[in-house]
Amino acid sequence: MRLSAEQGERMLREGDPIELGTLADAERARRFGNTVTFIVDRNINYTNVCVNECKFCAFFRRQGHRDAYLLTYDEILEKVRETVEAGGTQVMIQGGLYPDLGLAYYEKMLRLIKEKFPSITIHSFTATEIQHFARQEGISILDTLKRLQAAGLDSLPGGGAEILVDAVRQRVSPKKIMTEDWLAVMRAAHSIGMESTATMVIGFGETMAQRIEHMERIRQLQDETGGFRAFITWTFQPGHTELGGEKTSGWDYMKTLALTRLYMDNIAHIQGSWVTQGERIGQLTLGFGADDLGSIMLEENVVRAAGTSYDMSIRKMVDLIHGAGREAAQRNTTYDVIKRY
């Protein structure tokens, strides 16, 4: 029986974390047995210049700032080469909304990568970036995605979703993509066979009802398109941000994670976040519904800019998974297992 929004909200508000974790873990085991996956990839932030100036972001710089940068094609290709040599199978290219690059800049970037490294999967550009590219080019979201797909874009990450409730978005990122636009980008991507992930960032002072509203919008779109591969919950990192505040608790994160496994019944994979929680909480997520621990991340800059930094290696990742009594497996972007440990 599918959980209703009212049931989900009540479970978030009143549910016992251990009981929720037990239910979520049973659902994980039913779907995936004892296997927990991870991917080797690199997060390439091609620029930190951004016109959105979100209050929760410590990474962006205004154009002309002494710390502002835009990577050259050669610098990007070097990062991709290092990723391939390290056994990586995916690059996640994301950046700020640069004022005046044009869609051809991104098309050339993708073509150069695919020409030199045809085996790499390009899982890149958030819905926020896609909307920005389309507006700059003066064309539709669908046509923008088709051009990027033709140039080499394989799939979309779920970044930029935060909480898909405009009342929250207006407060924390008023210049950023709003709820219906984010959903429209994902719907368009799915319509041309470009799958994606979905994310949720908690800890903005949103209500439990607003978290459930976010999950419900994703679940409804998944019912429609079937294009989401995974759902990932992060926690807001307030360090060095204009928004500020305190990090949400580990218990809050774990309860929410467990609820996503139970509520998002039509999305196969639930990812635990060691990147924002650290490796020990990351390990605990494997008892709260997570079947995947994401990437060892050969490079990560956005969370690091907010003062949160954890290091990971394949050996450490495998040890974490084994330490939780699970079998570790490296996967690719489409969640096919390519190596077991």
Protein backbone atom coordinates (compact mmCIF):
# COMPACT_ATOMS: atom_id res chain seq x y z
CA MET A 1 0.00 0.00 0.00
CA ARG A 2 1.45 3.35 -1.07
CA LEU A 3 2.01 5.89 1.71
CA SER A 4 -0.15 8.99 1.54
CA ALA A 5 1.21 12.48 2.08
CA GLU A 6 -0.57 12.60 5.45
CA GLN A 7 0.98 9.31 6.54
CA GLY A 8 4.43 10.42 5.39
CA GLU A 9 4.22 13.69 7.28
CA ARG A 10 3.06 11.91 10.44
CA MET A 11 5.94 9.45 10.20
CA LEU A 12 8.43 12.30 9.85
CA ARG A 13 6.94 14.16 12.79
CA GLU A 14 6.19 11.32 15.18
CA GLY A 15 7.86 8.18 13.88
CA ASP A 16 10.53 6.41 15.90
CA PRO A 17 13.83 6.64 13.98
CA ILE A 18 14.80 3.05 14.72
CA GLU A 19 11.43 1.70 13.65
CA LEU A 20 11.54 3.76 10.46
CA GLY A 21 15.09 2.55 9.82
CA THR A 22 14.03 -1.07 10.29
CA LEU A 23 11.14 -0.73 7.84
CA ALA A 24 13.33 1.06 5.30
CA ASP A 25 16.12 -1.50 5.64
CA ALA A 26 13.68 -4.35 5.06
CA GLU A 27 12.48 -2.66 1.85
CA ARG A 28 16.09 -2.15 0.74
CA ALA A 29 16.89 -5.81 1.39
CA ARG A 30 13.79 -6.92 -0.51
CA ARG A 31 14.91 -4.97 -3.55
CA PHE A 32 18.69 -5.41 -3.51
CA GLY A 33 19.63 -8.21 -1.14
CA ASN A 34 22.98 -7.54 0.51
CA THR A 35 24.65 -5.49 -2.24
CA VAL A 36 25.60 -1.84 -1.73
CA THR A 37 26.99 0.09 -4.68
CA PHE A 38 29.21 3.09 -5.28
CA ILE A 39 30.65 4.87 -8.31
CA VAL A 40 34.06 6.33 -9.11
CA ASP A 41 33.65 9.75 -10.67
CA ARG A 42 34.75 13.36 -10.55
CA ASN A 43 32.72 16.48 -9.92
CA ILE A 44 34.11 19.13 -12.26
CA ASN A 45 32.97 22.65 -11.42
CA TYR A 46 33.82 24.54 -14.59
CA THR A 47 33.06 27.96 -13.09
CA ASN A 48 32.15 29.50 -9.74
CA VAL A 49 30.71 32.63 -11.36
CA CYS A 50 26.95 32.71 -10.86
CA VAL A 51 24.21 35.27 -11.35
CA ASN A 52 21.81 33.50 -8.96
CA GLU A 53 23.72 34.42 -5.78
CA CYS A 54 21.82 31.89 -3.63
CA LYS A 55 21.90 32.62 0.08
CA PHE A 56 22.69 29.01 0.94
CA CYS A 57 25.73 28.76 -1.38
CA ALA A 58 29.31 29.42 -0.25
CA PHE A 59 30.77 28.44 -3.63
CA PHE A 60 29.64 31.18 -6.02
CA ARG A 61 31.52 34.39 -6.84
CA ARG A 62 30.35 37.41 -8.77
CA GLN A 63 31.94 38.04 -12.15
CA GLY A 64 35.07 40.11 -11.69
CA HIS A 65 35.71 38.87 -8.14
CA ARG A 66 39.37 38.04 -7.49
CA ASP A 67 38.48 34.40 -6.76
CA ALA A 68 36.20 33.98 -9.78
CA TYR A 69 37.28 31.44 -12.39
CA LEU A 70 36.26 29.72 -15.62
CA LEU A 71 38.14 26.56 -16.56
CA THR A 72 39.59 26.25 -20.04
CA TYR A 73 38.71 23.29 -22.24
CA ASP A 74 42.23 21.95 -21.73
CA GLU A 75 41.84 22.12 -17.94
CA ILE A 76 38.53 20.28 -18.13
CA LEU A 77 39.99 17.60 -20.43
CA GLU A 78 42.90 17.11 -18.05
CA LYS A 79 40.49 16.50 -15.19
CA VAL A 80 38.59 13.99 -17.30
CA ARG A 81 41.85 12.23 -18.23
CA GLU A 82 42.80 11.94 -14.55
CA THR A 83 39.36 10.51 -13.81
CA VAL A 84 39.65 7.83 -16.49
CA GLU A 85 43.15 6.90 -15.34
CA ALA A 86 41.87 6.54 -11.75
CA GLY A 87 39.23 4.05 -12.90
CA GLY A 88 36.39 6.56 -13.02
CA THR A 89 33.45 5.92 -15.31
CA GLN A 90 31.54 9.22 -14.97
CA VAL A 91 32.08 12.95 -14.79
CA MET A 92 29.58 15.29 -13.21
CA ILE A 93 30.16 18.71 -14.75
CA GLN A 94 28.34 21.50 -12.95
CA GLY A 95 28.92 25.17 -12.45
CA GLY A 96 27.49 28.53 -11.69
CA LEU A 97 25.27 30.39 -14.15
CA TYR A 98 27.89 32.29 -16.10
CA PRO A 99 26.42 35.44 -17.69
CA ASP A 100 27.57 35.17 -21.30
CA LEU A 101 28.97 31.83 -22.51
CA GLY A 102 26.29 30.62 -24.92
CA LEU A 103 25.12 27.09 -25.65
CA ALA A 104 27.89 26.50 -28.21
CA TYR A 105 30.44 26.69 -25.38
CA TYR A 106 28.87 23.71 -23.65
CA GLU A 107 28.32 21.78 -26.87
CA LYS A 108 32.01 22.11 -27.73
CA MET A 109 32.98 21.03 -24.19
CA LEU A 110 30.88 17.87 -24.48
CA ARG A 111 32.13 17.01 -27.97
CA LEU A 112 35.77 17.41 -26.96
CA ILE A 113 35.28 15.11 -23.98
CA LYS A 114 33.51 12.42 -26.01
CA GLU A 115 36.10 12.61 -28.81
CA LYS A 116 39.01 12.07 -26.45
CA PHE A 117 37.31 9.83 -23.86
CA PRO A 118 34.44 8.01 -25.59
CA SER A 119 33.92 5.58 -22.69
CA ILE A 120 33.21 8.24 -20.06
CA THR A 121 29.60 8.93 -19.09
CA ILE A 122 28.74 12.62 -18.92
CA HIS A 123 26.19 12.95 -16.10
CA SER A 124 26.13 16.72 -15.98
CA PHE A 125 24.35 20.08 -15.75
CA THR A 126 21.56 20.70 -13.28
CA ALA A 127 18.05 21.75 -14.28
CA THR A 128 19.01 25.26 -13.17
CA GLU A 129 21.85 25.33 -15.70
CA ILE A 130 19.69 23.86 -18.46
CA GLN A 131 17.10 26.61 -17.99
CA HIS A 132 19.87 29.23 -18.02
CA PHE A 133 21.35 27.83 -21.25
CA ALA A 134 17.92 27.84 -22.91
CA ARG A 135 17.17 31.42 -21.91
CA GLN A 136 20.56 32.63 -23.10
CA GLU A 137 20.10 30.86 -26.43
CA GLY A 138 16.46 31.93 -26.81
CA ILE A 139 15.25 28.39 -27.49
CA SER A 140 13.06 25.87 -25.66
CA ILE A 141 14.20 23.60 -22.84
CA LEU A 142 13.52 20.58 -25.07
CA ASP A 143 15.59 21.90 -27.95
CA THR A 144 18.41 22.80 -25.56
CA LEU A 145 18.44 19.26 -24.17
CA LYS A 146 18.34 17.74 -27.65
CA ARG A 147 21.37 19.80 -28.71
CA LEU A 148 23.30 18.87 -25.57
CA GLN A 149 22.36 15.22 -25.98
CA ALA A 150 23.59 15.27 -29.57
CA ALA A 151 26.87 16.77 -28.35
CA GLY A 152 27.40 14.02 -25.76
CA LEU A 153 25.33 14.67 -22.65
CA ASP A 154 24.16 11.32 -21.27
CA SER A 155 22.07 12.13 -18.19
CA LEU A 156 21.15 14.86 -15.71
CA PRO A 157 22.02 15.08 -12.01
CA GLY A 158 19.25 16.16 -9.65
CA GLY A 159 20.93 19.26 -8.28
CA GLY A 160 19.05 22.52 -7.95
CA ALA A 161 15.95 20.89 -6.49
CA GLU A 162 16.64 21.79 -2.84
CA ILE A 163 13.02 21.85 -1.58
CA LEU A 164 10.46 21.91 -4.39
CA VAL A 165 8.15 24.35 -2.63
CA ASP A 166 8.23 27.90 -3.94
CA ALA A 167 7.69 29.45 -0.50
CA VAL A 168 11.01 27.92 0.59
CA ARG A 169 12.76 28.72 -2.68
CA GLN A 170 11.70 32.37 -2.59
CA ARG A 171 13.28 32.64 0.84
CA VAL A 172 16.61 30.91 0.23
CA SER A 173 17.24 31.38 -3.53
CA PRO A 174 14.81 33.90 -5.05
CA LYS A 175 16.73 34.18 -8.35
CA LYS A 176 16.93 30.42 -8.87
CA ILE A 177 14.73 28.08 -10.86
CA MET A 178 11.31 27.58 -9.27
CA THR A 179 9.47 24.32 -8.69
CA GLU A 180 7.46 23.98 -11.91
CA ASP A 181 10.48 24.91 -14.03
CA TRP A 182 12.70 22.28 -12.34
CA LEU A 183 10.06 19.64 -12.92
CA ALA A 184 9.59 20.77 -16.53
CA VAL A 185 13.31 20.35 -17.28
CA MET A 186 13.27 16.82 -15.88
CA ARG A 187 10.07 15.96 -17.77
CA ALA A 188 11.63 17.18 -21.01
CA ALA A 189 14.85 15.23 -20.39
CA HIS A 190 12.94 12.04 -19.66
CA SER A 191 10.89 12.52 -22.84
CA ILE A 192 14.02 12.13 -24.99
CA GLY A 193 15.35 9.14 -23.07
CA MET A 194 17.71 11.14 -20.89
CA GLU A 195 17.37 9.73 -17.38
CA SER A 196 18.27 11.65 -14.24
CA THR A 197 18.50 11.57 -10.49
CA ALA A 198 16.42 13.57 -8.01
CA THR A 199 17.68 15.28 -4.87
CA MET A 200 16.35 16.94 -1.74
CA VAL A 201 18.27 19.28 0.54
CA ILE A 202 16.92 19.52 4.09
CA GLY A 203 17.72 21.93 6.88
CA PHE A 204 16.51 25.24 5.41
CA GLY A 205 13.88 25.64 8.14
CA GLU A 206 11.29 23.94 5.95
CA THR A 207 8.37 22.12 7.57
CA MET A 208 7.89 18.36 7.46
CA ALA A 209 4.84 18.98 5.28
CA GLN A 210 7.07 20.83 2.80
CA ARG A 211 9.53 17.92 2.69
CA ILE A 212 6.64 15.60 1.91
CA GLU A 213 5.38 18.01 -0.75
CA HIS A 214 8.82 17.84 -2.36
CA MET A 215 8.78 14.02 -2.31
CA GLU A 216 5.24 13.94 -3.64
CA ARG A 217 6.11 16.13 -6.65
CA ILE A 218 9.02 13.84 -7.51
CA ARG A 219 6.92 10.72 -7.01
CA GLN A 220 4.17 12.07 -9.26
CA LEU A 221 6.62 12.91 -12.04
CA GLN A 222 8.18 9.46 -11.71
CA ASP A 223 4.72 7.91 -12.10
CA GLU A 224 4.43 9.92 -15.32
CA THR A 225 7.87 9.40 -16.87
CA GLY A 226 9.82 6.70 -15.01
CA GLY A 227 12.98 8.68 -15.70
CA PHE A 228 14.50 9.04 -12.21
CA ARG A 229 17.18 6.46 -11.40
CA ALA A 230 17.82 7.49 -7.80
CA PHE A 231 16.76 9.80 -4.98
CA ILE A 232 19.43 11.51 -2.88
CA THR A 233 18.93 13.48 0.33
CA TRP A 234 21.56 16.02 1.37
CA THR A 235 21.72 18.37 4.34
CA PHE A 236 22.24 22.11 4.04
CA GLN A 237 25.79 23.09 4.99
CA PRO A 238 25.50 26.58 6.52
CA GLY A 239 29.20 27.43 6.87
CA HIS A 240 30.37 30.57 5.03
CA THR A 241 26.88 31.14 3.57
CA GLU A 242 24.69 34.23 3.70
CA LEU A 243 21.78 32.13 4.95
CA GLY A 244 23.75 30.73 7.89
CA GLY A 245 22.12 28.82 10.71
CA GLU A 246 22.82 25.41 12.22
CA LYS A 247 23.23 22.03 10.57
CA THR A 248 20.24 19.77 10.97
CA SER A 249 20.76 16.81 13.28
CA GLY A 250 21.95 13.37 12.29
CA TRP A 251 18.67 11.90 13.58
CA ASP A 252 16.65 14.26 11.40
CA TYR A 253 18.70 13.24 8.38
CA MET A 254 18.38 9.52 9.14
CA LYS A 255 14.60 9.69 9.70
CA THR A 256 14.15 11.60 6.47
CA LEU A 257 16.38 9.19 4.56
CA ALA A 258 14.42 6.19 5.84
CA LEU A 259 11.14 7.87 4.93
CA THR A 260 12.37 8.48 1.36
CA ARG A 261 12.93 4.73 0.91
CA LEU A 262 9.37 4.06 2.06
CA TYR A 263 7.68 6.99 0.31
CA MET A 264 9.55 6.97 -3.02
CA ASP A 265 8.24 3.52 -3.91
CA ASN A 266 8.67 4.04 -7.64
CA ILE A 267 12.37 5.05 -7.55
CA ALA A 268 14.76 2.14 -7.29
CA HIS A 269 17.84 3.58 -5.64
CA ILE A 270 18.22 5.59 -2.44
CA GLN A 271 21.63 7.11 -1.87
CA GLY A 272 23.23 7.81 1.49
CA SER A 273 25.36 10.96 1.75
CA TRP A 274 28.79 10.52 3.30
CA VAL A 275 29.78 13.78 1.55
CA THR A 276 27.71 15.95 3.91
CA GLN A 277 27.44 13.54 6.86
CA GLY A 278 30.90 12.00 7.11
CA GLU A 279 31.83 8.38 6.63
CA ARG A 280 30.40 7.06 9.91
CA ILE A 281 26.90 8.47 9.38
CA GLY A 282 27.28 7.47 5.73
CA GLN A 283 27.86 3.90 6.90
CA LEU A 284 24.79 4.05 9.15
CA THR A 285 22.60 5.02 6.20
CA LEU A 286 23.03 1.43 5.01
CA GLY A 287 20.77 0.39 7.90
CA PHE A 288 18.21 3.10 7.11
CA GLY A 289 17.27 2.25 3.55
CA ALA A 290 20.23 3.32 1.43
CA ASP A 291 21.46 0.81 -1.16
CA ASP A 292 24.09 3.13 -2.63
CA LEU A 293 26.78 5.40 -1.17
CA GLY A 294 27.26 7.56 -4.24
CA SER A 295 30.73 8.48 -5.38
CA ILE A 296 34.18 8.41 -3.87
CA MET A 297 34.40 11.85 -5.54
CA LEU A 298 37.86 12.44 -6.90
CA GLU A 299 37.02 16.15 -6.61
CA GLU A 300 34.27 18.10 -4.84
CA ASN A 301 34.16 21.85 -4.34
CA VAL A 302 30.67 23.08 -3.43
CA VAL A 303 30.22 21.33 -0.09
CA ARG A 304 33.90 21.95 0.65
CA ALA A 305 33.36 25.70 0.17
CA ALA A 306 30.84 25.59 3.03
CA GLY A 307 33.50 24.20 5.35
CA THR A 308 32.55 20.50 5.19
CA SER A 309 35.21 18.19 3.84
CA TYR A 310 35.62 14.41 4.04
CA ASP A 311 38.06 12.29 2.06
CA MET A 312 37.20 8.96 0.49
CA SER A 313 39.01 6.25 -1.47
CA ILE A 314 37.91 2.99 -3.04
CA ARG A 315 39.58 1.06 -0.21
CA LYS A 316 37.89 3.16 2.46
CA MET A 317 34.52 2.92 0.71
CA VAL A 318 34.76 -0.87 0.44
CA ASP A 319 35.77 -1.12 4.10
CA LEU A 320 32.79 1.04 5.12
CA ILE A 321 30.37 -1.16 3.21
CA HIS A 322 31.90 -4.40 4.48
CA GLY A 323 31.90 -2.98 8.01
CA ALA A 324 28.13 -2.59 7.74
CA GLY A 325 27.81 -6.27 6.85
CA ARG A 326 27.10 -5.57 3.19
CA GLU A 327 28.73 -6.65 -0.06
CA ALA A 328 30.48 -3.81 -1.89
CA ALA A 329 30.17 -3.34 -5.63
CA GLN A 330 31.36 -0.61 -8.00
CA ARG A 331 28.65 0.50 -10.43
CA ASN A 332 28.32 2.73 -13.44
CA THR A 333 25.86 5.59 -13.99
CA THR A 334 23.00 3.25 -14.90
CA TYR A 335 23.59 1.17 -11.74
CA ASP A 336 25.04 -1.83 -13.55
CA VAL A 337 27.59 -3.58 -11.33
CA ILE A 338 31.02 -3.55 -12.97
CA LYS A 339 33.15 -4.92 -10.11
CA ARG A 340 32.54 -6.69 -6.81
CA TYR A 341 34.83 -6.62 -3.79
